[in-house]
Amino acid sequence: MRFMVLCEVPSSSSIVGVDMGVSMLTDVQLRRLTPREKPYKLSDTGGLFILVQTSGS
Protein backbone atom coordinates (compact mmCIF):
# COMPACT_ATOMS: atom_id res chain seq x y z
CA MET A 1 0.00 0.00 0.00
CA ARG A 2 1.37 3.44 -0.93
CA PHE A 3 0.56 6.70 0.83
CA MET A 4 0.82 10.26 -0.39
CA VAL A 5 0.71 13.34 1.81
CA LEU A 6 -1.38 15.91 -0.01
CA CYS A 7 -0.87 19.05 2.05
CA GLU A 8 -0.96 20.51 5.51
CA VAL A 9 -4.07 22.22 6.86
CA PRO A 10 -4.57 24.14 10.10
CA SER A 11 -5.70 21.87 12.93
CA SER A 12 -8.71 24.13 13.45
CA SER A 13 -9.93 23.38 9.93
CA SER A 14 -13.26 21.60 9.65
CA ILE A 15 -12.75 19.32 6.65
CA VAL A 16 -15.44 16.67 6.25
CA GLY A 17 -14.09 13.19 6.89
CA VAL A 18 -10.99 14.27 8.78
CA ASP A 19 -10.57 12.64 12.16
CA MET A 20 -9.06 15.34 14.38
CA GLY A 21 -8.92 13.05 17.43
CA VAL A 22 -5.60 11.42 16.49
CA SER A 23 -2.62 13.04 18.19
CA MET A 24 0.05 11.78 15.76
CA LEU A 25 -0.15 9.39 12.82
CA THR A 26 2.06 6.36 13.40
CA ASP A 27 3.59 3.79 11.09
CA VAL A 28 1.32 1.10 12.53
CA GLN A 29 -1.82 3.20 11.99
CA LEU A 30 -0.85 3.89 8.39
CA ARG A 31 -0.13 0.23 7.65
CA ARG A 32 -3.50 -0.83 9.11
CA LEU A 33 -5.55 1.54 6.93
CA THR A 34 -7.86 -0.27 4.55
CA PRO A 35 -9.69 0.95 1.46
CA ARG A 36 -13.37 1.84 1.76
CA GLU A 37 -16.16 2.36 -0.72
CA LYS A 38 -15.33 6.09 -0.87
CA PRO A 39 -11.95 7.88 -0.40
CA TYR A 40 -11.38 9.10 3.16
CA LYS A 41 -8.91 11.21 5.12
CA LEU A 42 -7.14 10.56 8.40
CA SER A 43 -5.48 13.50 10.14
CA ASP A 44 -3.23 14.19 13.12
CA THR A 45 -3.53 17.20 15.42
CA GLY A 46 -0.70 18.99 13.58
CA GLY A 47 -2.84 19.26 10.46
CA LEU A 48 -1.03 16.60 8.42
CA PHE A 49 -3.47 14.25 6.73
CA ILE A 50 -3.50 11.24 4.47
CA LEU A 51 -6.08 10.49 1.78
CA VAL A 52 -6.81 6.79 1.34
CA GLN A 53 -8.20 6.02 -2.11
CA THR A 54 -10.68 3.24 -2.90
CA SER A 55 -7.82 1.33 -4.55
CA GLY A 56 -5.88 1.42 -1.28
CA SER A 57 -3.20 3.80 -2.52
C-alpha atoms as a PDB file:
ATOM      1  CA  MET A   1       0.000   0.000   0.000  1.00  0.00           C
ATOM      2  CA  ARG A   2       1.373   3.441  -0.933  1.00  0.00           C
ATOM      3  CA  PHE A   3       0.559   6.703   0.834  1.00  0.00           C
ATOM      4  CA  MET A   4       0.817  10.259  -0.395  1.00  0.00           C
ATOM      5  CA  VAL A   5       0.715  13.340   1.807  1.00  0.00           C
ATOM      6  CA  LEU A   6      -1.378  15.912  -0.014  1.00  0.00           C
ATOM      7  CA  CYS A   7      -0.870  19.050   2.050  1.00  0.00           C
ATOM      8  CA  GLU A   8      -0.963  20.508   5.515  1.00  0.00           C
ATOM      9  CA  VAL A   9      -4.073  22.220   6.864  1.00  0.00           C
ATOM     10  CA  PRO A  10      -4.570  24.135  10.097  1.00  0.00           C
ATOM     11  CA  SER A  11      -5.699  21.872  12.933  1.00  0.00           C
ATOM     12  CA  SER A  12      -8.708  24.131  13.450  1.00  0.00           C
ATOM     13  CA  SER A  13      -9.935  23.377   9.930  1.00  0.00           C
ATOM     14  CA  SER A  14     -13.260  21.597   9.648  1.00  0.00           C
ATOM     15  CA  ILE A  15     -12.752  19.318   6.652  1.00  0.00           C
ATOM     16  CA  VAL A  16     -15.441  16.673   6.250  1.00  0.00           C
ATOM     17  CA  GLY A  17     -14.090  13.194   6.891  1.00  0.00           C
ATOM     18  CA  VAL A  18     -10.993  14.270   8.784  1.00  0.00           C
ATOM     19  CA  ASP A  19     -10.573  12.636  12.160  1.00  0.00           C
ATOM     20  CA  MET A  20      -9.061  15.344  14.385  1.00  0.00           C
ATOM     21  CA  GLY A  21      -8.925  13.047  17.434  1.00  0.00           C
ATOM     22  CA  VAL A  22      -5.598  11.422  16.490  1.00  0.00           C
ATOM     23  CA  SER A  23      -2.616  13.040  18.189  1.00  0.00           C
ATOM     24  CA  MET A  24       0.053  11.777  15.764  1.00  0.00           C
ATOM     25  CA  LEU A  25      -0.150   9.390  12.823  1.00  0.00           C
ATOM     26  CA  THR A  26       2.063   6.361  13.402  1.00  0.00           C
ATOM     27  CA  ASP A  27       3.593   3.789  11.087  1.00  0.00           C
ATOM     28  CA  VAL A  28       1.320   1.096  12.529  1.00  0.00           C
ATOM     29  CA  GLN A  29      -1.823   3.205  11.993  1.00  0.00           C
ATOM     30  CA  LEU A  30      -0.853   3.888   8.387  1.00  0.00           C
ATOM     31  CA  ARG A  31      -0.128   0.230   7.649  1.00  0.00           C
ATOM     32  CA  ARG A  32      -3.499  -0.830   9.107  1.00  0.00           C
ATOM     33  CA  LEU A  33      -5.551   1.545   6.934  1.00  0.00           C
ATOM     34  CA  THR A  34      -7.860  -0.270   4.555  1.00  0.00           C
ATOM     35  CA  PRO A  35      -9.687   0.953   1.462  1.00  0.00           C
ATOM     36  CA  ARG A  36     -13.371   1.840   1.761  1.00  0.00           C
ATOM     37  CA  GLU A  37     -16.162   2.363  -0.722  1.00  0.00           C
ATOM     38  CA  LYS A  38     -15.325   6.094  -0.872  1.00  0.00           C
ATOM     39  CA  PRO A  39     -11.952   7.880  -0.401  1.00  0.00           C
ATOM     40  CA  TYR A  40     -11.377   9.105   3.162  1.00  0.00           C
ATOM     41  CA  LYS A  41      -8.905  11.214   5.117  1.00  0.00           C
ATOM     42  CA  LEU A  42      -7.136  10.562   8.404  1.00  0.00           C
ATOM     43  CA  SER A  43      -5.476  13.499  10.143  1.00  0.00           C
ATOM     44  CA  ASP A  44      -3.231  14.192  13.116  1.00  0.00           C
ATOM     45  CA  THR A  45      -3.530  17.204  15.415  1.00  0.00           C
ATOM     46  CA  GLY A  46      -0.704  18.989  13.578  1.00  0.00           C
ATOM     47  CA  GLY A  47      -2.838  19.260  10.457  1.00  0.00           C
ATOM     48  CA  LEU A  48      -1.032  16.595   8.423  1.00  0.00           C
ATOM     49  CA  PHE A  49      -3.466  14.255   6.728  1.00  0.00           C
ATOM     50  CA  ILE A  50      -3.501  11.244   4.473  1.00  0.00           C
ATOM     51  CA  LEU A  51      -6.080  10.487   1.779  1.00  0.00           C
ATOM     52  CA  VAL A  52      -6.814   6.790   1.336  1.00  0.00           C
ATOM     53  CA  GLN A  53      -8.198   6.018  -2.111  1.00  0.00           C
ATOM     54  CA  THR A  54     -10.682   3.243  -2.903  1.00  0.00           C
ATOM     55  CA  SER A  55      -7.822   1.334  -4.551  1.00  0.00           C
ATOM     56  CA  GLY A  56      -5.875   1.417  -1.282  1.00  0.00           C
ATOM     57  CA  SER A  57      -3.202   3.802  -2.516  1.00  0.00           C
END
